[in-house]
Amino acid sequence: MADKRPKPEEIVTKLRQVEVLTGQGMPRLDAIRQIGVTEQT
């Protein structure tokens, strides 16, 4: 079974979501978990 690699547009969208959530005062780790990725990702 091959790993599904996210498209560059999806990566940018998720990074922007984390930026918005952290800007609203949410801790970075919580924002990362909320978008559905691990911290290592």
PDB file of N, CA and C in Angstrom:
ATOM      1  N   MET A   1       0.846  -1.185   0.000  1.00  0.00           N
ATOM      2  CA  MET A   1       0.000   0.000   0.000  1.00  0.00           C
ATOM      3  C   MET A   1       0.891   1.249   0.000  1.00  0.00           C
ATOM      4  N   ALA A   2       0.698   2.107  -0.955  1.00  0.00           N
ATOM      5  CA  ALA A   2       1.514   3.308  -1.099  1.00  0.00           C
ATOM      6  C   ALA A   2       1.012   4.410  -0.167  1.00  0.00           C
ATOM      7  N   ASP A   3       1.949   5.216   0.317  1.00  0.00           N
ATOM      8  CA  ASP A   3       1.578   6.358   1.150  1.00  0.00           C
ATOM      9  C   ASP A   3       0.981   7.451   0.277  1.00  0.00           C
ATOM     10  N   LYS A   4      -0.045   8.111   0.800  1.00  0.00           N
ATOM     11  CA  LYS A   4      -0.646   9.225   0.077  1.00  0.00           C
ATOM     12  C   LYS A   4       0.125  10.485   0.436  1.00  0.00           C
ATOM     13  N   ARG A   5       0.728  11.091  -0.548  1.00  0.00           N
ATOM     14  CA  ARG A   5       1.466  12.333  -0.337  1.00  0.00           C
ATOM     15  C   ARG A   5       0.520  13.499  -0.578  1.00  0.00           C
ATOM     16  N   PRO A   6       0.449  14.430   0.349  1.00  0.00           N
ATOM     17  CA  PRO A   6      -0.421  15.589   0.136  1.00  0.00           C
ATOM     18  C   PRO A   6       0.120  16.489  -0.972  1.00  0.00           C
ATOM     19  N   LYS A   7      -0.781  17.118  -1.663  1.00  0.00           N
ATOM     20  CA  LYS A   7      -0.396  18.054  -2.717  1.00  0.00           C
ATOM     21  C   LYS A   7       0.133  19.335  -2.072  1.00  0.00           C
ATOM     22  N   PRO A   8       0.980  20.070  -2.767  1.00  0.00           N
ATOM     23  CA  PRO A   8       1.525  21.314  -2.196  1.00  0.00           C
ATOM     24  C   PRO A   8       0.436  22.288  -1.742  1.00  0.00           C
ATOM     25  N   GLU A   9      -0.675  22.355  -2.476  1.00  0.00           N
ATOM     26  CA  GLU A   9      -1.756  23.252  -2.093  1.00  0.00           C
ATOM     27  C   GLU A   9      -2.359  22.849  -0.761  1.00  0.00           C
ATOM     28  N   GLU A  10      -2.462  21.535  -0.521  1.00  0.00           N
ATOM     29  CA  GLU A  10      -3.016  21.053   0.747  1.00  0.00           C
ATOM     30  C   GLU A  10      -2.077  21.385   1.905  1.00  0.00           C
ATOM     31  N   ILE A  11      -0.785  21.285   1.677  1.00  0.00           N
ATOM     32  CA  ILE A  11       0.195  21.603   2.710  1.00  0.00           C
ATOM     33  C   ILE A  11       0.103  23.077   3.093  1.00  0.00           C
ATOM     34  N   VAL A  12       0.039  23.940   2.082  1.00  0.00           N
ATOM     35  CA  VAL A  12      -0.045  25.379   2.334  1.00  0.00           C
ATOM     36  C   VAL A  12      -1.324  25.706   3.099  1.00  0.00           C
ATOM     37  N   THR A  13      -2.425  25.082   2.734  1.00  0.00           N
ATOM     38  CA  THR A  13      -3.698  25.323   3.414  1.00  0.00           C
ATOM     39  C   THR A  13      -3.610  24.942   4.880  1.00  0.00           C
ATOM     40  N   LYS A  14      -3.025  23.795   5.172  1.00  0.00           N
ATOM     41  CA  LYS A  14      -2.900  23.348   6.556  1.00  0.00           C
ATOM     42  C   LYS A  14      -1.979  24.261   7.360  1.00  0.00           C
ATOM     43  N   LEU A  15      -0.886  24.716   6.743  1.00  0.00           N
ATOM     44  CA  LEU A  15       0.014  25.630   7.444  1.00  0.00           C
ATOM     45  C   LEU A  15      -0.690  26.949   7.760  1.00  0.00           C
ATOM     46  N   ARG A  16      -1.500  27.434   6.832  1.00  0.00           N
ATOM     47  CA  ARG A  16      -2.237  28.676   7.075  1.00  0.00           C
ATOM     48  C   ARG A  16      -3.252  28.491   8.195  1.00  0.00           C
ATOM     49  N   GLN A  17      -3.892  27.306   8.246  1.00  0.00           N
ATOM     50  CA  GLN A  17      -4.848  27.028   9.313  1.00  0.00           C
ATOM     51  C   GLN A  17      -4.162  27.079  10.672  1.00  0.00           C
ATOM     52  N   VAL A  18      -2.956  26.510  10.760  1.00  0.00           N
ATOM     53  CA  VAL A  18      -2.212  26.544  12.016  1.00  0.00           C
ATOM     54  C   VAL A  18      -1.857  27.981  12.379  1.00  0.00           C
ATOM     55  N   GLU A  19      -1.446  28.774  11.409  1.00  0.00           N
ATOM     56  CA  GLU A  19      -1.115  30.172  11.676  1.00  0.00           C
ATOM     57  C   GLU A  19      -2.316  30.936  12.223  1.00  0.00           C
ATOM     58  N   VAL A  20      -3.487  30.707  11.644  1.00  0.00           N
ATOM     59  CA  VAL A  20      -4.692  31.403  12.091  1.00  0.00           C
ATOM     60  C   VAL A  20      -5.041  30.978  13.514  1.00  0.00           C
ATOM     61  N   LEU A  21      -5.002  29.680  13.777  1.00  0.00           N
ATOM     62  CA  LEU A  21      -5.367  29.185  15.098  1.00  0.00           C
ATOM     63  C   LEU A  21      -4.394  29.675  16.168  1.00  0.00           C
ATOM     64  N   THR A  22      -3.095  29.680  15.874  1.00  0.00           N
ATOM     65  CA  THR A  22      -2.132  30.176  16.854  1.00  0.00           C
ATOM     66  C   THR A  22      -2.275  31.684  17.033  1.00  0.00           C
ATOM     67  N   GLY A  23      -2.652  32.381  15.987  1.00  0.00           N
ATOM     68  CA  GLY A  23      -2.895  33.813  16.093  1.00  0.00           C
ATOM     69  C   GLY A  23      -4.094  34.139  16.962  1.00  0.00           C
ATOM     70  N   GLN A  24      -5.022  33.195  17.069  1.00  0.00           N
ATOM     71  CA  GLN A  24      -6.196  33.379  17.915  1.00  0.00           C
ATOM     72  C   GLN A  24      -5.922  32.965  19.357  1.00  0.00           C
ATOM     73  N   GLY A  25      -4.673  32.577  19.641  1.00  0.00           N
ATOM     74  CA  GLY A  25      -4.310  32.256  21.010  1.00  0.00           C
ATOM     75  C   GLY A  25      -4.253  30.779  21.346  1.00  0.00           C
ATOM     76  N   MET A  26      -4.517  29.920  20.383  1.00  0.00           N
ATOM     77  CA  MET A  26      -4.458  28.482  20.636  1.00  0.00           C
ATOM     78  C   MET A  26      -2.995  28.036  20.667  1.00  0.00           C
ATOM     79  N   PRO A  27      -2.627  27.177  21.618  1.00  0.00           N
ATOM     80  CA  PRO A  27      -1.254  26.656  21.629  1.00  0.00           C
ATOM     81  C   PRO A  27      -0.935  25.928  20.326  1.00  0.00           C
ATOM     82  N   ARG A  28       0.319  26.023  19.892  1.00  0.00           N
ATOM     83  CA  ARG A  28       0.737  25.458  18.605  1.00  0.00           C
ATOM     84  C   ARG A  28       0.435  23.968  18.501  1.00  0.00           C
ATOM     85  N   LEU A  29       0.741  23.196  19.556  1.00  0.00           N
ATOM     86  CA  LEU A  29       0.502  21.756  19.491  1.00  0.00           C
ATOM     87  C   LEU A  29      -0.981  21.433  19.335  1.00  0.00           C
ATOM     88  N   ASP A  30      -1.837  22.178  20.008  1.00  0.00           N
ATOM     89  CA  ASP A  30      -3.281  21.954  19.878  1.00  0.00           C
ATOM     90  C   ASP A  30      -3.755  22.289  18.463  1.00  0.00           C
ATOM     91  N   ALA A  31      -3.214  23.355  17.891  1.00  0.00           N
ATOM     92  CA  ALA A  31      -3.590  23.739  16.527  1.00  0.00           C
ATOM     93  C   ALA A  31      -3.162  22.654  15.538  1.00  0.00           C
ATOM     94  N   ILE A  32      -1.963  22.117  15.737  1.00  0.00           N
ATOM     95  CA  ILE A  32      -1.471  21.066  14.845  1.00  0.00           C
ATOM     96  C   ILE A  32      -2.353  19.831  14.939  1.00  0.00           C
ATOM     97  N   ARG A  33      -2.719  19.458  16.148  1.00  0.00           N
ATOM     98  CA  ARG A  33      -3.588  18.281  16.318  1.00  0.00           C
ATOM     99  C   ARG A  33      -4.961  18.517  15.703  1.00  0.00           C
ATOM    100  N   GLN A  34      -5.454  19.736  15.808  1.00  0.00           N
ATOM    101  CA  GLN A  34      -6.800  20.030  15.292  1.00  0.00           C
ATOM    102  C   GLN A  34      -6.880  19.870  13.776  1.00  0.00           C
ATOM    103  N   ILE A  35      -5.801  20.178  13.051  1.00  0.00           N
ATOM    104  CA  ILE A  35      -5.867  20.035  11.598  1.00  0.00           C
ATOM    105  C   ILE A  35      -5.608  18.602  11.150  1.00  0.00           C
ATOM    106  N   GLY A  36      -5.235  17.742  12.100  1.00  0.00           N
ATOM    107  CA  GLY A  36      -5.147  16.320  11.780  1.00  0.00           C
ATOM    108  C   GLY A  36      -3.774  15.834  11.338  1.00  0.00           C
ATOM    109  N   VAL A  37      -2.707  16.482  11.791  1.00  0.00           N
ATOM    110  CA  VAL A  37      -1.357  16.002  11.487  1.00  0.00           C
ATOM    111  C   VAL A  37      -0.579  15.865  12.782  1.00  0.00           C
ATOM    112  N   THR A  38       0.563  15.200  12.717  1.00  0.00           N
ATOM    113  CA  THR A  38       1.416  15.071  13.891  1.00  0.00           C
ATOM    114  C   THR A  38       2.415  16.214  13.912  1.00  0.00           C
ATOM    115  N   GLU A  39       3.017  16.428  15.068  1.00  0.00           N
ATOM    116  CA  GLU A  39       3.986  17.517  15.181  1.00  0.00           C
ATOM    117  C   GLU A  39       5.187  17.280  14.266  1.00  0.00           C
ATOM    118  N   GLN A  40       5.607  16.030  14.094  1.00  0.00           N
ATOM    119  CA  GLN A  40       6.736  15.726  13.236  1.00  0.00           C
ATOM    120  C   GLN A  40       6.453  16.084  11.782  1.00  0.00           C
ATOM    121  N   THR A  41       5.201  15.966  11.378  1.00  0.00           N
ATOM    122  CA  THR A  41       4.841  16.300  10.005  1.00  0.00           C
ATOM    123  C   THR A  41       5.025  17.773   9.782  1.00  0.00           C
TER     124      THR A  41
END
